[in-house]
């Protein structure tokens, strides 16, 4: 258990990267490259939206800023 805690404390980014890479690899093997890529894009979009919700960002303002006339 101490080894797991040390990995989380000192190497969190690497551990998360390895886990995400493993999950993507398994998805690519099971469903193919493009379907796995689609799942990855959906997960990244979900993360982005969740992060913005945690930061209490006004989505109406964000939407207007993204799609305003230039």
N, C-alpha and C. Protein backbone atom coordinates (compact mmCIF):
# COMPACT_ATOMS: atom_id res chain seq x y z
N UNK A 1 0.82 -1.19 0.00
CA UNK A 1 0.00 0.00 0.00
C UNK A 1 0.87 1.26 0.00
N UNK A 2 2.02 1.19 0.68
CA UNK A 2 2.91 2.35 0.72
C UNK A 2 3.47 2.67 -0.66
N UNK A 3 3.74 1.65 -1.44
CA UNK A 3 4.27 1.86 -2.79
C UNK A 3 3.24 2.60 -3.64
N UNK A 4 1.99 2.20 -3.55
CA UNK A 4 0.91 2.85 -4.30
C UNK A 4 0.79 4.31 -3.89
N UNK A 5 0.86 4.59 -2.60
CA UNK A 5 0.75 5.96 -2.10
C UNK A 5 1.94 6.80 -2.59
N UNK A 6 3.14 6.20 -2.61
CA UNK A 6 4.32 6.92 -3.08
C UNK A 6 4.21 7.25 -4.57
N UNK A 7 3.68 6.31 -5.35
CA UNK A 7 3.49 6.56 -6.78
C UNK A 7 2.52 7.71 -6.98
N UNK A 8 1.42 7.71 -6.24
CA UNK A 8 0.44 8.79 -6.36
C UNK A 8 1.02 10.13 -5.94
N UNK A 9 1.85 10.15 -4.92
CA UNK A 9 2.41 11.41 -4.43
C UNK A 9 3.50 11.96 -5.34
N UNK A 10 4.38 11.09 -5.84
CA UNK A 10 5.53 11.57 -6.59
C UNK A 10 5.37 11.50 -8.10
N UNK A 11 4.50 10.63 -8.58
CA UNK A 11 4.42 10.38 -10.02
C UNK A 11 2.98 10.34 -10.52
N UNK A 12 2.16 11.23 -10.04
CA UNK A 12 0.73 11.20 -10.40
C UNK A 12 0.51 11.39 -11.88
N UNK A 13 1.18 12.36 -12.49
CA UNK A 13 1.01 12.62 -13.92
C UNK A 13 1.41 11.42 -14.76
N UNK A 14 2.51 10.79 -14.42
CA UNK A 14 2.97 9.62 -15.16
C UNK A 14 1.99 8.46 -15.01
N UNK A 15 1.51 8.26 -13.77
CA UNK A 15 0.58 7.17 -13.52
C UNK A 15 -0.72 7.36 -14.28
N UNK A 16 -1.24 8.57 -14.28
CA UNK A 16 -2.47 8.88 -15.02
C UNK A 16 -2.24 8.69 -16.51
N UNK A 17 -1.09 9.13 -17.01
CA UNK A 17 -0.76 8.97 -18.42
C UNK A 17 -0.69 7.51 -18.84
N UNK A 18 -0.09 6.69 -17.99
CA UNK A 18 0.00 5.26 -18.29
C UNK A 18 -1.38 4.62 -18.30
N UNK A 19 -2.21 4.97 -17.34
CA UNK A 19 -3.56 4.40 -17.27
C UNK A 19 -4.38 4.82 -18.48
N UNK A 20 -4.31 6.11 -18.84
CA UNK A 20 -5.05 6.58 -20.01
C UNK A 20 -4.54 5.94 -21.28
N UNK A 21 -3.23 5.78 -21.41
CA UNK A 21 -2.66 5.11 -22.57
C UNK A 21 -3.10 3.66 -22.67
N UNK A 22 -3.15 2.99 -21.55
CA UNK A 22 -3.60 1.60 -21.52
C UNK A 22 -5.07 1.49 -21.92
N UNK A 23 -5.89 2.37 -21.40
CA UNK A 23 -7.31 2.36 -21.74
C UNK A 23 -7.49 2.64 -23.23
N UNK A 24 -6.76 3.64 -23.77
CA UNK A 24 -6.87 3.94 -25.19
C UNK A 24 -6.40 2.76 -26.03
N UNK A 25 -5.32 2.13 -25.63
CA UNK A 25 -4.82 0.97 -26.37
C UNK A 25 -5.84 -0.15 -26.42
N UNK A 26 -6.47 -0.41 -25.29
CA UNK A 26 -7.50 -1.46 -25.25
C UNK A 26 -8.70 -1.10 -26.12
N UNK A 27 -9.11 0.16 -26.09
CA UNK A 27 -10.21 0.61 -26.95
C UNK A 27 -9.85 0.47 -28.42
N UNK A 28 -8.62 0.84 -28.78
CA UNK A 28 -8.18 0.75 -30.17
C UNK A 28 -8.14 -0.69 -30.64
N UNK A 29 -7.72 -1.60 -29.78
CA UNK A 29 -7.69 -3.01 -30.15
C UNK A 29 -9.10 -3.55 -30.32
N UNK A 30 -9.97 -3.20 -29.41
CA UNK A 30 -11.33 -3.76 -29.43
C UNK A 30 -12.20 -3.13 -30.54
N UNK A 31 -12.14 -1.81 -30.71
CA UNK A 31 -13.07 -1.12 -31.60
C UNK A 31 -12.43 -0.53 -32.86
N UNK A 32 -11.13 -0.47 -32.91
CA UNK A 32 -10.46 0.13 -34.05
C UNK A 32 -9.99 1.53 -33.73
N UNK A 33 -9.08 2.04 -34.55
CA UNK A 33 -8.43 3.32 -34.27
C UNK A 33 -9.41 4.48 -34.26
N UNK A 34 -10.25 4.61 -35.27
CA UNK A 34 -11.10 5.79 -35.38
C UNK A 34 -12.23 5.80 -34.34
N UNK A 35 -12.77 4.64 -34.02
CA UNK A 35 -13.79 4.60 -32.97
C UNK A 35 -13.18 4.92 -31.61
N UNK A 36 -11.96 4.42 -31.38
CA UNK A 36 -11.27 4.73 -30.13
C UNK A 36 -10.93 6.22 -30.08
N UNK A 37 -10.54 6.79 -31.19
CA UNK A 37 -10.24 8.22 -31.25
C UNK A 37 -11.49 9.05 -30.95
N UNK A 38 -12.64 8.62 -31.47
CA UNK A 38 -13.91 9.30 -31.18
C UNK A 38 -14.21 9.26 -29.68
N UNK A 39 -14.02 8.10 -29.07
CA UNK A 39 -14.25 7.97 -27.62
C UNK A 39 -13.29 8.88 -26.86
N UNK A 40 -12.05 8.95 -27.30
CA UNK A 40 -11.06 9.82 -26.66
C UNK A 40 -11.47 11.29 -26.77
N UNK A 41 -11.94 11.69 -27.93
CA UNK A 41 -12.39 13.08 -28.12
C UNK A 41 -13.60 13.39 -27.23
N UNK A 42 -14.53 12.44 -27.16
CA UNK A 42 -15.70 12.64 -26.29
C UNK A 42 -15.29 12.75 -24.82
N UNK A 43 -14.34 11.92 -24.40
CA UNK A 43 -13.87 11.97 -23.02
C UNK A 43 -13.18 13.31 -22.74
N UNK A 44 -12.37 13.78 -23.68
CA UNK A 44 -11.69 15.06 -23.50
C UNK A 44 -12.69 16.21 -23.43
N UNK A 45 -13.71 16.17 -24.27
CA UNK A 45 -14.75 17.19 -24.25
C UNK A 45 -15.51 17.14 -22.93
N UNK A 46 -15.82 15.96 -22.45
CA UNK A 46 -16.48 15.82 -21.15
C UNK A 46 -15.63 16.35 -20.02
N UNK A 47 -14.33 16.09 -20.08
CA UNK A 47 -13.42 16.62 -19.07
C UNK A 47 -13.42 18.15 -19.10
N UNK A 48 -13.35 18.72 -20.30
CA UNK A 48 -13.32 20.17 -20.45
C UNK A 48 -14.59 20.80 -19.88
N UNK A 49 -15.73 20.24 -20.23
CA UNK A 49 -17.00 20.78 -19.74
C UNK A 49 -17.09 20.64 -18.22
N UNK A 50 -16.69 19.48 -17.69
CA UNK A 50 -16.70 19.27 -16.25
C UNK A 50 -15.78 20.23 -15.52
N UNK A 51 -14.60 20.47 -16.09
CA UNK A 51 -13.65 21.41 -15.49
C UNK A 51 -14.25 22.81 -15.45
N UNK A 52 -14.91 23.20 -16.54
CA UNK A 52 -15.53 24.53 -16.58
C UNK A 52 -16.67 24.63 -15.57
N UNK A 53 -17.43 23.55 -15.40
CA UNK A 53 -18.51 23.57 -14.40
C UNK A 53 -17.93 23.71 -13.00
N UNK A 54 -16.83 23.02 -12.73
CA UNK A 54 -16.19 23.13 -11.42
C UNK A 54 -15.69 24.55 -11.16
N UNK A 55 -15.26 25.23 -12.23
CA UNK A 55 -14.78 26.59 -12.09
C UNK A 55 -15.91 27.61 -12.11
N UNK A 56 -17.13 27.12 -12.25
CA UNK A 56 -18.34 27.95 -12.25
C UNK A 56 -18.30 29.00 -13.38
N UNK A 57 -17.93 28.57 -14.57
CA UNK A 57 -17.87 29.44 -15.74
C UNK A 57 -19.28 29.59 -16.30
N UNK A 58 -19.64 30.80 -16.71
CA UNK A 58 -20.94 31.05 -17.32
C UNK A 58 -20.90 30.57 -18.77
N UNK A 59 -21.62 29.49 -19.06
CA UNK A 59 -21.59 28.90 -20.39
C UNK A 59 -22.22 29.80 -21.44
N UNK A 60 -23.17 30.63 -21.06
CA UNK A 60 -23.78 31.56 -22.01
C UNK A 60 -22.73 32.55 -22.51
N UNK A 61 -21.93 33.07 -21.59
CA UNK A 61 -20.87 33.99 -21.95
C UNK A 61 -19.79 33.29 -22.79
N UNK A 62 -19.43 32.08 -22.42
CA UNK A 62 -18.45 31.32 -23.19
C UNK A 62 -18.94 31.04 -24.60
N UNK A 63 -20.21 30.65 -24.73
CA UNK A 63 -20.80 30.37 -26.04
C UNK A 63 -20.80 31.62 -26.91
N UNK A 64 -21.22 32.75 -26.33
CA UNK A 64 -21.25 34.00 -27.08
C UNK A 64 -19.85 34.45 -27.50
N UNK A 65 -18.89 34.22 -26.64
CA UNK A 65 -17.51 34.59 -26.98
C UNK A 65 -16.95 33.71 -28.09
N UNK A 66 -17.32 32.44 -28.12
CA UNK A 66 -16.83 31.52 -29.16
C UNK A 66 -17.47 31.78 -30.51
N UNK A 67 -18.76 32.16 -30.54
CA UNK A 67 -19.50 32.25 -31.77
C UNK A 67 -19.95 33.67 -32.13
N UNK A 68 -19.26 34.66 -31.61
CA UNK A 68 -19.60 36.04 -31.97
C UNK A 68 -19.11 36.33 -33.39
N UNK A 69 -19.71 37.33 -33.98
CA UNK A 69 -19.30 37.74 -35.33
C UNK A 69 -17.94 38.42 -35.26
N UNK A 70 -17.14 38.15 -36.28
CA UNK A 70 -15.79 38.74 -36.31
C UNK A 70 -15.65 39.70 -37.41
